[in-house]
Amino acid sequence: MGDRAIRRAGGLMRKLLLIVAALCALASGPALAWGGLGHRTVGAIAMANVKPATRAAIRRLLAHERELDTPACSLRTIEDAATWPDCIKGERWRWAYQNAWHYHDQPICGTFDLKQLCRDGMCATAQIARDERLLANRKLAPVLRLEALAFLVHFVGDIHQPLHVGENEDQGGNAVKADYGMAPGRNLHSIWDGVLAERAITSARPPLVRVYTAAEKARLATGGTEDWARESYEISRDFLYPLAFGGKLPCDVKEPQKVVWTNAAIEQAIPVVDERIQRAGLRLAEVLDRALG
């Protein structure tokens, strides 16, 4: 076998190992906020609603994908950027430091206080501010700004998932076993990340990915990072947990070993999920316009 063939085989083996590592991480790690479809929908909504100059700037940054050297995790589109920070978790030796950036846990039976529960900036809300600043700095190398873009797109989506902010010291619902309708063997977090989000997105009419009117943007793209996190916290406290636990908050009573997310609960939750994803996409568009427009 010649040197060129050996190098090619070595490259293919490296890609295969990275893919296997990523799949193992996804299988063993906690559920990911919104799952792939939810995050990609947030990114697509943003891309459809940014200014033309912002869209062009994003595409110029995406052209530097190869410089990040993450061949198992594509970063060619803004939809890829939305899922890239979850994908790279497969290379724990390189990226494990960013795991805590994906959430900002606030106990629903406590007091909402973002500053108290974000030590040394190791939380989603602090990272959103940091990444916007990095993205807006045109003196930085494009590859650094591209990394900031991917994290920013992803973390704005993360904090709009209620269980990435409001939780009951149960790993954001990961520790709560739950059945989804007739589908057993899930947990509360994975339901909101995956099957519920997928059903909400695919059944939305009109579709969530579109150019929104000025009136829709004025209604949905409001507030700042703390407001967005507070909304997620209040949805967890006032809607999500009570709906899962028969109308009660699990503050003074022991959480049941398993909950059943019934069809009635699914129907109640779908509009909430759709609005969180819409808000995330339109708010992200405003952040990207501010940093790149």
C-alpha atoms as a PDB file:
ATOM      1  CA  MET A   1       0.000   0.000   0.000  1.00  0.00           C
ATOM      2  CA  GLY A   2       1.464   3.386  -1.017  1.00  0.00           C
ATOM      3  CA  ASP A   3       1.902   6.382   1.298  1.00  0.00           C
ATOM      4  CA  ARG A   4      -1.105   8.164  -0.205  1.00  0.00           C
ATOM      5  CA  ALA A   5      -3.357   5.128   0.324  1.00  0.00           C
ATOM      6  CA  ILE A   6      -2.116   4.755   3.906  1.00  0.00           C
ATOM      7  CA  ARG A   7      -2.870   8.388   4.651  1.00  0.00           C
ATOM      8  CA  ARG A   8      -6.321   8.066   3.075  1.00  0.00           C
ATOM      9  CA  ALA A   9      -7.071   4.940   5.118  1.00  0.00           C
ATOM     10  CA  GLY A  10      -5.840   6.657   8.261  1.00  0.00           C
ATOM     11  CA  GLY A  11      -8.106   9.645   7.586  1.00  0.00           C
ATOM     12  CA  LEU A  12     -11.123   7.415   7.049  1.00  0.00           C
ATOM     13  CA  MET A  13     -10.383   5.516  10.248  1.00  0.00           C
ATOM     14  CA  ARG A  14     -10.092   8.773  12.207  1.00  0.00           C
ATOM     15  CA  LYS A  15     -13.477   9.950  10.909  1.00  0.00           C
ATOM     16  CA  LEU A  16     -15.031   6.587  11.786  1.00  0.00           C
ATOM     17  CA  LEU A  17     -13.656   6.726  15.323  1.00  0.00           C
ATOM     18  CA  LEU A  18     -14.976  10.263  15.802  1.00  0.00           C
ATOM     19  CA  ILE A  19     -18.426   9.221  14.594  1.00  0.00           C
ATOM     20  CA  VAL A  20     -18.447   6.214  16.921  1.00  0.00           C
ATOM     21  CA  ALA A  21     -17.331   8.394  19.830  1.00  0.00           C
ATOM     22  CA  ALA A  22     -20.085  10.893  19.097  1.00  0.00           C
ATOM     23  CA  LEU A  23     -22.722   8.174  18.959  1.00  0.00           C
ATOM     24  CA  CYS A  24     -21.490   6.732  22.246  1.00  0.00           C
ATOM     25  CA  ALA A  25     -21.659  10.122  23.889  1.00  0.00           C
ATOM     26  CA  LEU A  26     -25.184  10.668  22.660  1.00  0.00           C
ATOM     27  CA  ALA A  27     -26.254   7.245  23.894  1.00  0.00           C
ATOM     28  CA  SER A  28     -24.759   7.611  27.369  1.00  0.00           C
ATOM     29  CA  GLY A  29     -25.019  11.338  28.034  1.00  0.00           C
ATOM     30  CA  PRO A  30     -27.985  13.453  29.102  1.00  0.00           C
ATOM     31  CA  ALA A  31     -30.662  14.368  26.596  1.00  0.00           C
ATOM     32  CA  LEU A  32     -29.843  17.304  24.361  1.00  0.00           C
ATOM     33  CA  ALA A  33     -31.937  20.450  24.335  1.00  0.00           C
ATOM     34  CA  TRP A  34     -34.567  20.337  21.578  1.00  0.00           C
ATOM     35  CA  GLY A  35     -32.761  17.482  19.844  1.00  0.00           C
ATOM     36  CA  GLY A  36     -31.476  17.901  16.302  1.00  0.00           C
ATOM     37  CA  LEU A  37     -34.727  18.980  14.639  1.00  0.00           C
ATOM     38  CA  GLY A  38     -35.553  21.586  17.278  1.00  0.00           C
ATOM     39  CA  HIS A  39     -32.127  23.209  17.188  1.00  0.00           C
ATOM     40  CA  ARG A  40     -31.957  23.167  13.407  1.00  0.00           C
ATOM     41  CA  THR A  41     -35.411  24.758  13.226  1.00  0.00           C
ATOM     42  CA  VAL A  42     -34.279  27.585  15.521  1.00  0.00           C
ATOM     43  CA  GLY A  43     -31.293  28.209  13.247  1.00  0.00           C
ATOM     44  CA  ALA A  44     -33.399  28.067  10.089  1.00  0.00           C
ATOM     45  CA  ILE A  45     -35.940  30.557  11.482  1.00  0.00           C
ATOM     46  CA  ALA A  46     -33.110  32.938  12.320  1.00  0.00           C
ATOM     47  CA  MET A  47     -31.498  32.606   8.873  1.00  0.00           C
ATOM     48  CA  ALA A  48     -34.829  33.326   7.176  1.00  0.00           C
ATOM     49  CA  ASN A  49     -35.326  36.506   9.204  1.00  0.00           C
ATOM     50  CA  VAL A  50     -31.898  38.165   9.435  1.00  0.00           C
ATOM     51  CA  LYS A  51     -30.942  41.095   7.250  1.00  0.00           C
ATOM     52  CA  PRO A  52     -29.290  40.286   3.898  1.00  0.00           C
ATOM     53  CA  ALA A  53     -25.942  41.671   5.086  1.00  0.00           C
ATOM     54  CA  THR A  54     -26.084  39.424   8.155  1.00  0.00           C
ATOM     55  CA  ARG A  55     -26.901  36.391   6.015  1.00  0.00           C
ATOM     56  CA  ALA A  56     -23.921  37.127   3.783  1.00  0.00           C
ATOM     57  CA  ALA A  57     -21.614  37.539   6.789  1.00  0.00           C
ATOM     58  CA  ILE A  58     -22.763  34.198   8.196  1.00  0.00           C
ATOM     59  CA  ARG A  59     -22.013  32.448   4.926  1.00  0.00           C
ATOM     60  CA  ARG A  60     -18.526  33.979   4.809  1.00  0.00           C
ATOM     61  CA  LEU A  61     -17.804  32.645   8.295  1.00  0.00           C
ATOM     62  CA  LEU A  62     -19.172  29.191   7.442  1.00  0.00           C
ATOM     63  CA  ALA A  63     -16.628  29.002   4.626  1.00  0.00           C
ATOM     64  CA  HIS A  64     -13.945  28.577   7.334  1.00  0.00           C
ATOM     65  CA  GLU A  65     -15.401  25.261   8.545  1.00  0.00           C
ATOM     66  CA  ARG A  66     -12.296  23.188   7.736  1.00  0.00           C
ATOM     67  CA  GLU A  67     -10.155  25.320  10.040  1.00  0.00           C
ATOM     68  CA  LEU A  68     -12.059  24.016  13.091  1.00  0.00           C
ATOM     69  CA  ASP A  69     -10.921  20.459  12.300  1.00  0.00           C
ATOM     70  CA  THR A  70     -14.112  18.690  13.373  1.00  0.00           C
ATOM     71  CA  PRO A  71     -14.641  16.356  10.386  1.00  0.00           C
ATOM     72  CA  ALA A  72     -17.286  14.264  12.176  1.00  0.00           C
ATOM     73  CA  CYS A  73     -19.333  17.392  12.957  1.00  0.00           C
ATOM     74  CA  SER A  74     -20.329  19.403   9.913  1.00  0.00           C
ATOM     75  CA  LEU A  75     -20.517  23.195  10.093  1.00  0.00           C
ATOM     76  CA  ARG A  76     -21.513  24.173   6.572  1.00  0.00           C
ATOM     77  CA  THR A  77     -24.905  25.770   7.270  1.00  0.00           C
ATOM     78  CA  ILE A  78     -26.532  27.611  10.136  1.00  0.00           C
ATOM     79  CA  GLU A  79     -28.591  24.470  10.773  1.00  0.00           C
ATOM     80  CA  ASP A  80     -25.314  22.606  11.221  1.00  0.00           C
ATOM     81  CA  ALA A  81     -24.122  25.363  13.546  1.00  0.00           C
ATOM     82  CA  ALA A  82     -27.221  24.835  15.673  1.00  0.00           C
ATOM     83  CA  THR A  83     -26.271  21.204  16.390  1.00  0.00           C
ATOM     84  CA  TRP A  84     -22.459  21.406  16.213  1.00  0.00           C
ATOM     85  CA  PRO A  85     -21.956  22.121  19.963  1.00  0.00           C
ATOM     86  CA  ASP A  86     -23.808  18.894  20.809  1.00  0.00           C
ATOM     87  CA  CYS A  87     -22.016  16.908  18.122  1.00  0.00           C
ATOM     88  CA  ILE A  88     -18.521  17.812  19.360  1.00  0.00           C
ATOM     89  CA  LYS A  89     -19.306  16.322  22.761  1.00  0.00           C
ATOM     90  CA  GLY A  90     -18.168  13.074  21.164  1.00  0.00           C
ATOM     91  CA  GLU A  91     -14.580  14.333  21.482  1.00  0.00           C
ATOM     92  CA  ARG A  92     -14.605  14.723  25.245  1.00  0.00           C
ATOM     93  CA  TRP A  93     -10.823  15.087  25.490  1.00  0.00           C
ATOM     94  CA  ARG A  94     -11.086  18.253  23.400  1.00  0.00           C
ATOM     95  CA  TRP A  95     -14.454  19.799  24.214  1.00  0.00           C
ATOM     96  CA  ALA A  96     -15.609  18.558  27.645  1.00  0.00           C
ATOM     97  CA  TYR A  97     -15.025  21.998  29.169  1.00  0.00           C
ATOM     98  CA  GLN A  98     -18.138  23.347  27.416  1.00  0.00           C
ATOM     99  CA  ASN A  99     -20.648  20.841  28.838  1.00  0.00           C
ATOM    100  CA  ALA A 100     -21.897  23.196  31.583  1.00  0.00           C
ATOM    101  CA  TRP A 101     -22.496  25.964  29.056  1.00  0.00           C
ATOM    102  CA  HIS A 102     -25.656  24.286  27.730  1.00  0.00           C
ATOM    103  CA  TYR A 103     -27.987  25.077  30.648  1.00  0.00           C
ATOM    104  CA  HIS A 104     -28.614  27.468  33.514  1.00  0.00           C
ATOM    105  CA  ASP A 105     -30.441  25.421  36.121  1.00  0.00           C
ATOM    106  CA  GLN A 106     -32.835  27.258  38.417  1.00  0.00           C
ATOM    107  CA  PRO A 107     -34.699  25.117  41.013  1.00  0.00           C
ATOM    108  CA  ILE A 108     -38.420  25.654  40.498  1.00  0.00           C
ATOM    109  CA  CYS A 109     -38.975  25.480  44.252  1.00  0.00           C
ATOM    110  CA  GLY A 110     -36.376  28.165  44.916  1.00  0.00           C
ATOM    111  CA  THR A 111     -35.823  31.740  43.793  1.00  0.00           C
ATOM    112  CA  PHE A 112     -34.987  32.763  40.241  1.00  0.00           C
ATOM    113  CA  ASP A 113     -31.490  34.279  40.421  1.00  0.00           C
ATOM    114  CA  LEU A 114     -29.290  33.975  37.362  1.00  0.00           C
ATOM    115  CA  LYS A 115     -26.209  35.582  38.908  1.00  0.00           C
ATOM    116  CA  GLN A 116     -26.143  33.336  41.957  1.00  0.00           C
ATOM    117  CA  LEU A 117     -26.270  30.118  39.960  1.00  0.00           C
ATOM    118  CA  CYS A 118     -23.719  30.875  37.249  1.00  0.00           C
ATOM    119  CA  ARG A 119     -20.268  30.405  38.717  1.00  0.00           C
ATOM    120  CA  ASP A 120     -17.417  31.835  36.638  1.00  0.00           C
ATOM    121  CA  GLY A 121     -19.646  32.196  33.594  1.00  0.00           C
ATOM    122  CA  MET A 122     -20.180  28.440  33.310  1.00  0.00           C
ATOM    123  CA  CYS A 123     -23.792  28.634  32.121  1.00  0.00           C
ATOM    124  CA  ALA A 124     -25.779  29.259  28.963  1.00  0.00           C
ATOM    125  CA  THR A 125     -26.822  32.855  29.655  1.00  0.00           C
ATOM    126  CA  ALA A 126     -23.262  34.037  30.337  1.00  0.00           C
ATOM    127  CA  GLN A 127     -21.974  32.251  27.255  1.00  0.00           C
ATOM    128  CA  ILE A 128     -24.581  33.914  25.028  1.00  0.00           C
ATOM    129  CA  ALA A 129     -23.225  37.338  26.007  1.00  0.00           C
ATOM    130  CA  ARG A 130     -19.636  36.147  25.546  1.00  0.00           C
ATOM    131  CA  ASP A 131     -20.275  34.613  22.134  1.00  0.00           C
ATOM    132  CA  GLU A 132     -22.109  37.663  20.846  1.00  0.00           C
ATOM    133  CA  ARG A 133     -19.137  39.798  21.829  1.00  0.00           C
ATOM    134  CA  LEU A 134     -16.692  37.414  20.122  1.00  0.00           C
ATOM    135  CA  LEU A 135     -18.824  37.211  16.984  1.00  0.00           C
ATOM    136  CA  ALA A 136     -19.010  40.997  16.711  1.00  0.00           C
ATOM    137  CA  ASN A 137     -15.224  41.435  17.028  1.00  0.00           C
ATOM    138  CA  ARG A 138     -13.982  41.723  13.463  1.00  0.00           C
ATOM    139  CA  LYS A 139     -10.362  41.778  14.638  1.00  0.00           C
ATOM    140  CA  LEU A 140     -10.553  38.112  15.628  1.00  0.00           C
ATOM    141  CA  ALA A 141      -9.629  35.311  13.250  1.00  0.00           C
ATOM    142  CA  PRO A 142     -12.670  34.136  11.258  1.00  0.00           C
ATOM    143  CA  VAL A 143     -12.391  30.607  12.657  1.00  0.00           C
ATOM    144  CA  LEU A 144     -12.761  31.943  16.216  1.00  0.00           C
ATOM    145  CA  ARG A 145     -15.804  33.955  15.201  1.00  0.00           C
ATOM    146  CA  LEU A 146     -17.253  30.874  13.477  1.00  0.00           C
ATOM    147  CA  GLU A 147     -16.909  28.878  16.701  1.00  0.00           C
ATOM    148  CA  ALA A 148     -18.634  31.715  18.577  1.00  0.00           C
ATOM    149  CA  LEU A 149     -21.412  31.742  15.968  1.00  0.00           C
ATOM    150  CA  ALA A 150     -22.088  28.029  16.448  1.00  0.00           C
ATOM    151  CA  PHE A 151     -22.151  28.294  20.229  1.00  0.00           C
ATOM    152  CA  LEU A 152     -24.380  31.378  20.086  1.00  0.00           C
ATOM    153  CA  VAL A 153     -26.930  29.752  17.767  1.00  0.00           C
ATOM    154  CA  HIS A 154     -27.035  26.667  19.957  1.00  0.00           C
ATOM    155  CA  PHE A 155     -27.198  28.326  23.385  1.00  0.00           C
ATOM    156  CA  VAL A 156     -30.018  30.690  22.410  1.00  0.00           C
ATOM    157  CA  GLY A 157     -31.956  27.545  21.528  1.00  0.00           C
ATOM    158  CA  ASP A 158     -30.918  25.870  24.775  1.00  0.00           C
ATOM    159  CA  ILE A 159     -32.269  28.506  27.135  1.00  0.00           C
ATOM    160  CA  HIS A 160     -35.622  28.460  25.371  1.00  0.00           C
ATOM    161  CA  GLN A 161     -36.044  24.798  26.329  1.00  0.00           C
ATOM    162  CA  PRO A 162     -37.800  25.082  29.720  1.00  0.00           C
ATOM    163  CA  LEU A 163     -35.934  22.171  31.314  1.00  0.00           C
ATOM    164  CA  HIS A 164     -32.593  23.795  30.565  1.00  0.00           C
ATOM    165  CA  VAL A 165     -33.501  26.505  33.075  1.00  0.00           C
ATOM    166  CA  GLY A 166     -36.319  25.478  35.432  1.00  0.00           C
ATOM    167  CA  GLU A 167     -35.783  22.087  37.055  1.00  0.00           C
ATOM    168  CA  ASN A 168     -36.361  20.237  40.322  1.00  0.00           C
ATOM    169  CA  GLU A 169     -32.810  19.087  41.124  1.00  0.00           C
ATOM    170  CA  ASP A 170     -33.515  16.113  38.851  1.00  0.00           C
ATOM    171  CA  GLN A 171     -30.967  16.899  36.128  1.00  0.00           C
ATOM    172  CA  GLY A 172     -33.489  18.938  34.236  1.00  0.00           C
ATOM    173  CA  GLY A 173     -35.996  16.086  34.177  1.00  0.00           C
ATOM    174  CA  ASN A 174     -33.429  13.510  33.012  1.00  0.00           C
ATOM    175  CA  ALA A 175     -33.873  11.627  36.279  1.00  0.00           C
ATOM    176  CA  VAL A 176     -37.667  11.485  35.917  1.00  0.00           C
ATOM    177  CA  LYS A 177     -38.736   8.340  34.068  1.00  0.00           C
ATOM    178  CA  ALA A 178     -41.657   8.976  31.762  1.00  0.00           C
ATOM    179  CA  ASP A 179     -43.792   7.364  29.096  1.00  0.00           C
ATOM    180  CA  TYR A 180     -44.871   9.369  26.075  1.00  0.00           C
ATOM    181  CA  GLY A 181     -48.367   8.285  25.154  1.00  0.00           C
ATOM    182  CA  MET A 182     -47.949   4.646  24.163  1.00  0.00           C
ATOM    183  CA  ALA A 183     -44.127   4.905  23.932  1.00  0.00           C
ATOM    184  CA  PRO A 184     -42.439   3.768  27.180  1.00  0.00           C
ATOM    185  CA  GLY A 185     -38.875   4.022  28.441  1.00  0.00           C
ATOM    186  CA  ARG A 186     -38.170   7.723  28.173  1.00  0.00           C
ATOM    187  CA  ASN A 187     -37.574  10.534  30.657  1.00  0.00           C
ATOM    188  CA  LEU A 188     -39.197  13.908  31.115  1.00  0.00           C
ATOM    189  CA  HIS A 189     -36.305  15.793  29.519  1.00  0.00           C
ATOM    190  CA  SER A 190     -36.031  13.563  26.457  1.00  0.00           C
ATOM    191  CA  ILE A 191     -39.746  13.920  25.787  1.00  0.00           C
ATOM    192  CA  TRP A 192     -39.465  17.707  25.544  1.00  0.00           C
ATOM    193  CA  ASP A 193     -36.204  17.513  23.588  1.00  0.00           C
ATOM    194  CA  GLY A 194     -37.224  14.909  21.078  1.00  0.00           C
ATOM    195  CA  VAL A 195     -40.596  13.371  20.342  1.00  0.00           C
ATOM    196  CA  LEU A 196     -42.709  16.271  21.608  1.00  0.00           C
ATOM    197  CA  ALA A 197     -40.621  18.895  19.798  1.00  0.00           C
ATOM    198  CA  GLU A 198     -40.642  16.850  16.597  1.00  0.00           C
ATOM    199  CA  ARG A 199     -44.420  16.480  16.689  1.00  0.00           C
ATOM    200  CA  ALA A 200     -44.897  20.186  17.417  1.00  0.00           C
ATOM    201  CA  ILE A 201     -42.576  21.308  14.609  1.00  0.00           C
ATOM    202  CA  THR A 202     -43.850  18.942  11.929  1.00  0.00           C
ATOM    203  CA  SER A 203     -47.518  19.643  12.686  1.00  0.00           C
ATOM    204  CA  ALA A 204     -47.228  23.446  12.884  1.00  0.00           C
ATOM    205  CA  ARG A 205     -49.438  25.383  10.482  1.00  0.00           C
ATOM    206  CA  PRO A 206     -48.188  27.669   9.077  1.00  0.00           C
ATOM    207  CA  PRO A 207     -44.721  26.087   9.186  1.00  0.00           C
ATOM    208  CA  LEU A 208     -42.347  27.518  11.757  1.00  0.00           C
ATOM    209  CA  VAL A 209     -39.572  28.225   9.245  1.00  0.00           C
ATOM    210  CA  ARG A 210     -40.709  31.229   7.237  1.00  0.00           C
ATOM    211  CA  VAL A 211     -40.263  34.980   6.959  1.00  0.00           C
ATOM    212  CA  TYR A 212     -42.238  36.455   9.842  1.00  0.00           C
ATOM    213  CA  THR A 213     -44.200  39.682   9.662  1.00  0.00           C
ATOM    214  CA  ALA A 214     -43.161  42.799  11.545  1.00  0.00           C
ATOM    215  CA  ALA A 215     -46.124  42.319  13.873  1.00  0.00           C
ATOM    216  CA  GLU A 216     -45.102  38.726  14.644  1.00  0.00           C
ATOM    217  CA  LYS A 217     -41.540  39.820  15.370  1.00  0.00           C
ATOM    218  CA  ALA A 218     -42.759  42.604  17.647  1.00  0.00           C
ATOM    219  CA  ARG A 219     -44.794  40.063  19.628  1.00  0.00           C
ATOM    220  CA  LEU A 220     -42.299  37.216  19.780  1.00  0.00           C
ATOM    221  CA  ALA A 221     -38.784  38.729  19.599  1.00  0.00           C
ATOM    222  CA  THR A 222     -38.884  40.605  22.881  1.00  0.00           C
ATOM    223  CA  GLY A 223     -36.663  41.024  25.938  1.00  0.00           C
ATOM    224  CA  GLY A 224     -33.065  40.077  26.688  1.00  0.00           C
ATOM    225  CA  THR A 225     -31.255  36.962  27.828  1.00  0.00           C
ATOM    226  CA  GLU A 226     -32.472  37.142  31.423  1.00  0.00           C
ATOM    227  CA  ASP A 227     -36.068  37.569  30.230  1.00  0.00           C
ATOM    228  CA  TRP A 228     -35.751  34.513  27.981  1.00  0.00           C
ATOM    229  CA  ALA A 229     -34.381  32.405  30.823  1.00  0.00           C
ATOM    230  CA  ARG A 230     -37.078  33.633  33.189  1.00  0.00           C
ATOM    231  CA  GLU A 231     -39.772  32.616  30.700  1.00  0.00           C
ATOM    232  CA  SER A 232     -38.359  29.087  30.523  1.00  0.00           C
ATOM    233  CA  TYR A 233     -38.163  28.927  34.306  1.00  0.00           C
ATOM    234  CA  GLU A 234     -41.783  30.027  34.707  1.00  0.00           C
ATOM    235  CA  ILE A 235     -42.989  27.547  32.076  1.00  0.00           C
ATOM    236  CA  SER A 236     -41.257  24.728  33.953  1.00  0.00           C
ATOM    237  CA  ARG A 237     -42.630  25.865  37.300  1.00  0.00           C
ATOM    238  CA  ASP A 238     -46.156  26.829  36.292  1.00  0.00           C
ATOM    239  CA  PHE A 239     -46.886  24.516  33.369  1.00  0.00           C
ATOM    240  CA  LEU A 240     -44.471  21.681  32.639  1.00  0.00           C
ATOM    241  CA  TYR A 241     -43.999  20.098  36.061  1.00  0.00           C
ATOM    242  CA  PRO A 242     -47.631  20.524  37.152  1.00  0.00           C
ATOM    243  CA  LEU A 243     -48.790  18.979  33.865  1.00  0.00           C
ATOM    244  CA  ALA A 244     -46.440  16.029  34.396  1.00  0.00           C
ATOM    245  CA  PHE A 245     -47.351  15.506  38.059  1.00  0.00           C
ATOM    246  CA  GLY A 246     -51.127  15.756  37.964  1.00  0.00           C
ATOM    247  CA  GLY A 247     -51.452  19.457  38.678  1.00  0.00           C
ATOM    248  CA  LYS A 248     -48.985  19.566  41.569  1.00  0.00           C
ATOM    249  CA  LEU A 249     -45.514  20.987  42.003  1.00  0.00           C
ATOM    250  CA  PRO A 250     -43.022  18.415  43.339  1.00  0.00           C
ATOM    251  CA  CYS A 251     -41.659  20.823  45.951  1.00  0.00           C
ATOM    252  CA  ASP A 252     -42.928  19.326  49.195  1.00  0.00           C
ATOM    253  CA  VAL A 253     -43.703  15.824  47.980  1.00  0.00           C
ATOM    254  CA  LYS A 254     -41.546  13.084  46.506  1.00  0.00           C
ATOM    255  CA  GLU A 255     -41.503  12.908  42.735  1.00  0.00           C
ATOM    256  CA  PRO A 256     -43.199   9.765  41.413  1.00  0.00           C
ATOM    257  CA  GLN A 257     -40.917   7.073  40.045  1.00  0.00           C
ATOM    258  CA  LYS A 258     -42.516   7.466  36.637  1.00  0.00           C
ATOM    259  CA  VAL A 259     -44.908   9.876  34.959  1.00  0.00           C
ATOM    260  CA  VAL A 260     -47.034   9.337  31.862  1.00  0.00           C
ATOM    261  CA  TRP A 261     -47.162  12.149  29.320  1.00  0.00           C
ATOM    262  CA  THR A 262     -50.687  11.511  28.062  1.00  0.00           C
ATOM    263  CA  ASN A 263     -52.169  12.469  24.715  1.00  0.00           C
ATOM    264  CA  ALA A 264     -54.074  15.249  26.473  1.00  0.00           C
ATOM    265  CA  ALA A 265     -50.809  16.582  27.918  1.00  0.00           C
ATOM    266  CA  ILE A 266     -49.181  16.354  24.501  1.00  0.00           C
ATOM    267  CA  GLU A 267     -51.924  18.475  22.940  1.00  0.00           C
ATOM    268  CA  GLN A 268     -51.568  21.080  25.687  1.00  0.00           C
ATOM    269  CA  ALA A 269     -47.795  21.214  25.324  1.00  0.00           C
ATOM    270  CA  ILE A 270     -47.520  21.495  21.530  1.00  0.00           C
ATOM    271  CA  PRO A 271     -48.403  25.236  21.314  1.00  0.00           C
ATOM    272  CA  VAL A 272     -45.945  25.983  24.121  1.00  0.00           C
ATOM    273  CA  VAL A 273     -43.122  24.152  22.319  1.00  0.00           C
ATOM    274  CA  ASP A 274     -43.906  25.853  19.007  1.00  0.00           C
ATOM    275  CA  GLU A 275     -43.828  29.304  20.577  1.00  0.00           C
ATOM    276  CA  ARG A 276     -40.542  28.641  22.402  1.00  0.00           C
ATOM    277  CA  ILE A 277     -38.898  27.631  19.136  1.00  0.00           C
ATOM    278  CA  GLN A 278     -40.354  30.606  17.268  1.00  0.00           C
ATOM    279  CA  ARG A 279     -39.182  33.010  19.958  1.00  0.00           C
ATOM    280  CA  ALA A 280     -35.720  31.442  19.994  1.00  0.00           C
ATOM    281  CA  GLY A 281     -35.336  31.766  16.224  1.00  0.00           C
ATOM    282  CA  LEU A 282     -36.553  35.345  15.970  1.00  0.00           C
ATOM    283  CA  ARG A 283     -34.577  36.495  19.005  1.00  0.00           C
ATOM    284  CA  LEU A 284     -31.499  34.810  17.595  1.00  0.00           C
ATOM    285  CA  ALA A 285     -32.041  36.709  14.329  1.00  0.00           C
ATOM    286  CA  GLU A 286     -31.953  39.997  16.245  1.00  0.00           C
ATOM    287  CA  VAL A 287     -28.777  38.975  18.081  1.00  0.00           C
ATOM    288  CA  LEU A 288     -27.088  38.008  14.809  1.00  0.00           C
ATOM    289  CA  ASP A 289     -28.142  41.283  13.163  1.00  0.00           C
ATOM    290  CA  ARG A 290     -26.699  43.183  16.102  1.00  0.00           C
ATOM    291  CA  ALA A 291     -23.384  41.337  15.905  1.00  0.00           C
ATOM    292  CA  LEU A 292     -22.993  41.043  12.129  1.00  0.00           C
ATOM    293  CA  GLY A 293     -25.417  43.394  10.402  1.00  0.00           C
END
